[in-house]
Amino acid sequence: MKNFSIAIISLLLILAVSSVFVIYEGQRGIVFQFSKIKRDSATDEMMVYEPGLHFKIPFIETVRKLDARIQTLDEPADRFVTSEKKDLMVDSFVKWRIVDFSTYYLRTSGSVDNARALLKQKVNNGLRTEFGNRTIKEIVSGDRDAIMSKALESAASSREDLGIAVVDVRIKAINLPTEISQSIYERMRAERTAVAKEHRSQGQEQAEIIRATIDAKVTVMLAEAQKNSFTVRGEGDALAAKVYADAYSKDADFYSFYRSLEAYEKSFNSKNDIMVVKPDSEFFRFLKDGSDVKK
């Protein structure tokens, strides 16, 4: 009897625990009866449970909890076409939350992945329309805020269609596709290379002109310097000749004697020199008894 009482009490505890469920803040609950959504008997609408402590029929009813907080849809960048038929890679994200849990569950079966796929399609349709009405220049020059506002307005219909309220639509980055960016880069590089070659050739041309001008100036300066040197040398030679002539005219015998002494000095300066000269040669006339030297 005691064991039977314990079994009954245990069964009652299990039933009590199984009949209670808690919906936490930021969540909403939907109850199923044999895989069918529990509805309000008066309105025949789906029953959505708010945060708090609730009861259900054990083993018959099950609870599925849905996230009621603001969620983020952040998918990889998508390709959009502008009014110029130019492709752009747009990286955006969406802030959303469930506002009509009945509609949300009926449209998505409670699957977050289904909800994201449907929401992404709706938001991208709005963005595609806005990008298709603008040129790249308009998009880059400041129409991004207007595009986000229009996309947010376009996504407002998701409240009725999906039971989702789009809180915000933001564009993080707008880029050209990789293949287009590469072709633009190559074209810009080719243009810059051509400009660099042109500047380099112009610089070489100017360098040749400057070098030729300097060479011409140097040639003229050297010619003038050589001319001046010849003039100075001629004047010096003329002055020396005049000095020699004046000296010779004053005392020819002394001048002859002085020049002979210079000749002796240069001739006898080296001991290795050999001279073959007659003793009675005119060269030695001042080395004789000196009778030829005037006193």
Protein backbone atom coordinates (compact mmCIF):
# COMPACT_ATOMS: atom_id res chain seq x y z
CA MET A 1 0.00 0.00 0.00
CA LYS A 2 2.90 2.32 0.83
CA ASN A 3 4.58 1.65 -2.50
CA PHE A 4 1.32 2.29 -4.30
CA SER A 5 0.97 5.67 -2.55
CA ILE A 6 4.51 6.61 -3.52
CA ALA A 7 3.78 5.67 -7.13
CA ILE A 8 0.60 7.74 -7.13
CA ILE A 9 2.40 10.73 -5.62
CA SER A 10 5.24 10.41 -8.15
CA LEU A 11 2.77 10.20 -11.00
CA LEU A 12 0.96 13.31 -9.73
CA LEU A 13 4.27 15.17 -9.47
CA ILE A 14 5.21 14.20 -13.00
CA LEU A 15 1.82 15.30 -14.25
CA ALA A 16 2.10 18.58 -12.34
CA VAL A 17 5.57 19.28 -13.73
CA SER A 18 4.49 18.32 -17.25
CA SER A 19 1.48 20.58 -17.10
CA VAL A 20 3.49 23.71 -16.31
CA PHE A 21 5.60 25.65 -18.82
CA VAL A 22 7.35 29.00 -18.59
CA ILE A 23 7.59 31.62 -21.32
CA TYR A 24 10.58 33.88 -20.62
CA GLU A 25 10.88 37.56 -21.37
CA GLY A 26 11.65 38.03 -25.06
CA GLN A 27 9.71 34.91 -26.02
CA ARG A 28 6.22 33.94 -27.07
CA GLY A 29 4.68 30.46 -26.93
CA ILE A 30 2.37 28.46 -29.19
CA VAL A 31 0.65 25.32 -27.88
CA PHE A 32 -0.07 22.30 -30.07
CA GLN A 33 -2.69 19.63 -29.43
CA PHE A 34 -1.75 16.47 -31.27
CA SER A 35 0.28 18.51 -33.77
CA LYS A 36 -2.55 21.00 -34.28
CA ILE A 37 -2.26 24.60 -33.14
CA LYS A 38 -4.39 25.35 -30.13
CA ARG A 39 -6.94 28.04 -30.87
CA ASP A 40 -9.21 30.22 -28.83
CA SER A 41 -12.63 28.58 -28.72
CA ALA A 42 -14.39 31.96 -28.83
CA THR A 43 -12.50 33.62 -31.70
CA ASP A 44 -10.93 30.57 -33.35
CA GLU A 45 -7.64 32.44 -33.44
CA MET A 46 -4.25 30.95 -32.65
CA MET A 47 -3.42 31.22 -28.97
CA VAL A 48 -0.11 32.98 -28.34
CA TYR A 49 1.21 32.84 -24.79
CA GLU A 50 2.90 35.89 -23.29
CA PRO A 51 5.87 35.71 -20.90
CA GLY A 52 4.94 34.10 -17.60
CA LEU A 53 3.84 30.78 -16.03
CA HIS A 54 1.24 28.78 -18.00
CA PHE A 55 -0.45 25.39 -17.91
CA LYS A 56 -1.05 22.74 -20.52
CA ILE A 57 -2.44 19.24 -20.71
CA PRO A 58 0.42 16.80 -20.12
CA PHE A 59 1.37 14.43 -22.95
CA ILE A 60 -1.35 15.93 -25.15
CA GLU A 61 -0.24 19.49 -25.59
CA THR A 62 3.28 20.61 -26.51
CA VAL A 63 4.74 24.08 -26.50
CA ARG A 64 6.88 25.77 -29.13
CA LYS A 65 8.68 28.96 -28.16
CA LEU A 66 9.40 31.80 -30.59
CA ASP A 67 11.96 34.59 -30.24
CA ALA A 68 10.20 37.95 -29.85
CA ARG A 69 13.41 40.03 -29.66
CA ILE A 70 14.89 42.16 -32.42
CA GLN A 71 16.92 39.94 -34.74
CA THR A 72 19.49 40.66 -37.42
CA LEU A 73 19.47 39.46 -41.01
CA ASP A 74 23.06 39.81 -42.21
CA GLU A 75 23.65 37.83 -45.39
CA PRO A 76 26.53 37.96 -47.89
CA ALA A 77 26.60 40.85 -50.38
CA ASP A 78 24.17 40.70 -53.30
CA ARG A 79 24.54 41.94 -56.88
CA PHE A 80 22.34 44.85 -57.96
CA VAL A 81 22.06 46.63 -61.32
CA THR A 82 21.95 50.42 -61.64
CA SER A 83 20.02 52.43 -64.23
CA GLU A 84 23.21 52.43 -66.33
CA LYS A 85 23.16 48.62 -66.39
CA LYS A 86 26.23 48.56 -64.16
CA ASP A 87 26.62 45.86 -61.53
CA LEU A 88 27.23 46.70 -57.88
CA MET A 89 27.89 44.43 -54.91
CA VAL A 90 25.79 45.71 -52.00
CA ASP A 91 26.40 44.52 -48.45
CA SER A 92 23.44 45.30 -46.19
CA PHE A 93 21.73 44.09 -43.05
CA VAL A 94 18.16 44.19 -41.70
CA LYS A 95 16.86 44.51 -38.15
CA TRP A 96 13.50 42.77 -37.66
CA ARG A 97 11.20 41.23 -35.06
CA ILE A 98 8.01 39.21 -34.95
CA VAL A 99 4.89 41.26 -34.25
CA ASP A 100 2.13 38.88 -35.39
CA PHE A 101 3.05 35.41 -34.17
CA SER A 102 0.03 33.75 -35.72
CA THR A 103 0.79 35.07 -39.20
CA TYR A 104 4.50 34.43 -38.72
CA TYR A 105 3.95 30.79 -37.86
CA LEU A 106 1.46 30.21 -40.66
CA ARG A 107 3.79 31.76 -43.27
CA THR A 108 7.11 30.31 -42.05
CA SER A 109 6.09 27.22 -40.03
CA GLY A 110 8.01 28.83 -37.18
CA SER A 111 11.34 28.38 -39.00
CA VAL A 112 13.79 31.25 -38.63
CA ASP A 113 15.56 30.18 -41.83
CA ASN A 114 12.29 30.36 -43.78
CA ALA A 115 11.56 33.77 -42.27
CA ARG A 116 15.03 35.07 -43.22
CA ALA A 117 14.76 33.79 -46.77
CA LEU A 118 11.34 35.41 -47.29
CA LEU A 119 12.39 38.64 -45.60
CA LYS A 120 15.62 38.84 -47.62
CA GLN A 121 13.67 38.43 -50.84
CA LYS A 122 11.26 41.21 -49.88
CA VAL A 123 13.99 43.64 -48.78
CA ASN A 124 16.16 42.88 -51.81
CA ASN A 125 13.22 43.57 -54.11
CA GLY A 126 12.92 47.04 -52.60
CA LEU A 127 16.67 47.65 -52.84
CA ARG A 128 16.75 46.37 -56.41
CA THR A 129 14.06 48.85 -57.40
CA GLU A 130 15.88 51.77 -55.75
CA PHE A 131 19.26 50.88 -57.26
CA GLY A 132 17.67 50.35 -60.66
CA ASN A 133 16.34 53.94 -60.62
CA ARG A 134 19.73 55.53 -59.88
CA THR A 135 23.14 55.88 -61.49
CA ILE A 136 26.38 54.94 -59.77
CA LYS A 137 27.21 58.63 -59.31
CA GLU A 138 23.88 59.29 -57.60
CA ILE A 139 24.30 56.26 -55.35
CA VAL A 140 27.83 57.17 -54.30
CA SER A 141 27.26 60.93 -54.03
CA GLY A 142 24.68 60.78 -51.25
CA ASP A 143 21.53 58.86 -52.15
CA ARG A 144 22.36 56.01 -49.78
CA ASP A 145 20.11 57.35 -46.99
CA ALA A 146 17.22 57.79 -49.43
CA ILE A 147 17.73 54.22 -50.70
CA MET A 148 17.63 52.81 -47.17
CA SER A 149 14.49 54.83 -46.34
CA LYS A 150 12.72 53.63 -49.47
CA ALA A 151 13.78 50.04 -48.81
CA LEU A 152 12.45 50.29 -45.26
CA GLU A 153 9.12 51.59 -46.57
CA SER A 154 8.98 48.82 -49.15
CA ALA A 155 9.63 46.18 -46.49
CA ALA A 156 6.78 47.49 -44.33
CA SER A 157 4.38 45.14 -46.11
CA SER A 158 6.14 42.21 -44.45
CA ARG A 159 4.09 42.99 -41.34
CA GLU A 160 0.94 41.76 -43.05
CA ASP A 161 2.56 39.14 -45.24
CA LEU A 162 4.90 37.54 -42.72
CA GLY A 163 3.90 38.97 -39.34
CA ILE A 164 7.34 40.63 -39.22
CA ALA A 165 8.12 44.28 -38.57
CA VAL A 166 11.29 45.55 -40.26
CA VAL A 167 12.91 47.90 -37.75
CA ASP A 168 15.80 49.11 -39.89
CA VAL A 169 17.55 48.56 -43.22
CA ARG A 170 21.21 49.54 -43.45
CA ILE A 171 23.73 49.45 -46.29
CA LYS A 172 27.20 48.66 -45.00
CA ALA A 173 29.20 48.82 -48.22
CA ILE A 174 28.76 49.32 -51.96
CA ASN A 175 31.49 47.88 -54.14
CA LEU A 176 32.06 46.94 -57.73
CA PRO A 177 32.22 43.22 -58.56
CA THR A 178 35.68 41.72 -58.36
CA GLU A 179 36.05 41.21 -62.11
CA ILE A 180 34.95 44.77 -62.86
CA SER A 181 37.20 46.20 -60.14
CA GLN A 182 40.13 44.29 -61.62
CA SER A 183 39.44 45.55 -65.15
CA ILE A 184 39.08 49.13 -63.88
CA TYR A 185 42.32 48.76 -61.96
CA GLU A 186 44.13 47.46 -65.05
CA ARG A 187 42.73 50.29 -67.17
CA MET A 188 43.74 52.92 -64.60
CA ARG A 189 47.16 51.33 -64.34
CA ALA A 190 47.58 51.42 -68.13
CA GLU A 191 46.49 55.06 -68.22
CA ARG A 192 48.89 56.01 -65.42
CA THR A 193 51.69 54.08 -67.14
CA ALA A 194 51.04 55.95 -70.39
CA VAL A 195 51.06 59.28 -68.57
CA ALA A 196 54.28 58.31 -66.77
CA LYS A 197 55.93 57.36 -70.06
CA GLU A 198 54.86 60.66 -71.60
CA HIS A 199 56.24 62.64 -68.66
CA ARG A 200 59.44 60.58 -68.75
CA SER A 201 59.93 61.21 -72.48
CA GLN A 202 59.24 64.92 -71.99
CA GLY A 203 61.75 64.96 -69.16
CA GLN A 204 64.36 63.23 -71.29
CA GLU A 205 63.73 65.72 -74.09
CA GLN A 206 64.14 68.66 -71.70
CA ALA A 207 67.27 67.05 -70.28
CA GLU A 208 68.78 66.73 -73.75
CA ILE A 209 67.92 70.36 -74.51
CA ILE A 210 69.45 71.56 -71.23
CA ARG A 211 72.52 69.34 -71.73
CA ALA A 212 73.02 70.63 -75.28
CA THR A 213 72.60 74.24 -74.13
CA ILE A 214 75.15 73.77 -71.33
CA ASP A 215 77.59 72.01 -73.69
CA ALA A 216 77.29 74.90 -76.15
CA LYS A 217 77.91 77.43 -73.39
CA VAL A 218 80.89 75.45 -72.12
CA THR A 219 82.34 75.26 -75.66
CA VAL A 220 81.93 79.01 -76.12
CA MET A 221 83.47 79.71 -72.72
CA LEU A 222 86.43 77.41 -73.44
CA ALA A 223 86.93 79.04 -76.84
CA GLU A 224 86.84 82.52 -75.32
CA ALA A 225 89.20 81.42 -72.54
CA GLN A 226 91.65 79.93 -75.08
CA LYS A 227 91.41 83.07 -77.17
CA ASN A 228 92.11 85.20 -74.11
CA SER A 229 95.01 82.93 -73.13
CA PHE A 230 96.54 83.26 -76.60
CA THR A 231 96.10 87.01 -76.44
CA VAL A 232 97.73 87.23 -72.98
CA ARG A 233 100.51 84.85 -74.02
CA GLY A 234 101.17 86.93 -77.17
CA GLU A 235 101.22 90.13 -75.17
CA GLY A 236 103.60 88.50 -72.67
CA ASP A 237 105.88 87.23 -75.42
CA ALA A 238 105.87 90.64 -77.04
CA LEU A 239 106.69 92.26 -73.71
CA ALA A 240 109.47 89.75 -73.08
CA ALA A 241 110.89 90.32 -76.53
CA LYS A 242 110.78 94.06 -75.95
CA VAL A 243 112.53 93.62 -72.59
CA TYR A 244 115.18 91.43 -74.21
CA ALA A 245 115.58 93.89 -77.07
CA ASP A 246 115.90 96.84 -74.71
CA ALA A 247 118.46 94.97 -72.63
CA TYR A 248 120.39 93.92 -75.69
CA SER A 249 120.43 97.45 -77.09
CA LYS A 250 121.86 98.86 -73.86
CA ASP A 251 124.86 96.45 -73.66
CA ALA A 252 125.10 93.82 -76.37
CA ASP A 253 128.39 92.36 -75.11
CA PHE A 254 127.04 91.90 -71.54
CA TYR A 255 123.85 90.35 -72.88
CA SER A 256 125.91 87.93 -74.97
CA PHE A 257 128.06 87.12 -71.94
CA TYR A 258 124.96 86.52 -69.75
CA ARG A 259 123.36 84.22 -72.31
CA SER A 260 126.64 82.26 -72.64
CA LEU A 261 126.76 81.76 -68.87
CA GLU A 262 123.18 80.41 -68.95
CA ALA A 263 124.24 78.04 -71.77
CA TYR A 264 127.27 76.86 -69.72
CA GLU A 265 125.07 76.25 -66.69
CA LYS A 266 122.57 74.18 -68.63
CA SER A 267 125.29 72.29 -70.55
CA PHE A 268 127.45 71.36 -67.54
CA ASN A 269 124.62 70.76 -65.11
CA SER A 270 124.54 66.99 -65.66
CA LYS A 271 127.67 64.90 -65.18
CA ASN A 272 126.39 62.21 -67.53
CA ASP A 273 126.32 64.49 -70.56
CA ILE A 274 129.13 64.21 -73.11
CA MET A 275 129.95 67.10 -75.44
CA VAL A 276 132.32 66.88 -78.40
CA VAL A 277 133.38 70.43 -79.19
CA LYS A 278 136.62 71.88 -80.59
CA PRO A 279 138.65 73.74 -77.97
CA ASP A 280 138.89 76.80 -80.17
CA SER A 281 135.11 76.78 -80.71
CA GLU A 282 133.19 79.98 -80.33
CA PHE A 283 131.20 78.24 -77.52
CA PHE A 284 134.22 78.40 -75.18
CA ARG A 285 135.32 81.91 -76.00
CA PHE A 286 134.36 83.24 -72.55
CA LEU A 287 136.32 80.41 -70.85
CA LYS A 288 139.61 81.51 -72.35
CA ASP A 289 141.82 84.25 -70.91
CA GLY A 290 138.86 86.65 -70.95
CA SER A 291 140.33 88.92 -73.48
CA ASP A 292 136.98 89.11 -75.24
CA VAL A 293 135.21 90.46 -72.16
CA LYS A 294 135.11 94.20 -71.88
CA LYS A 295 136.23 95.70 -68.63
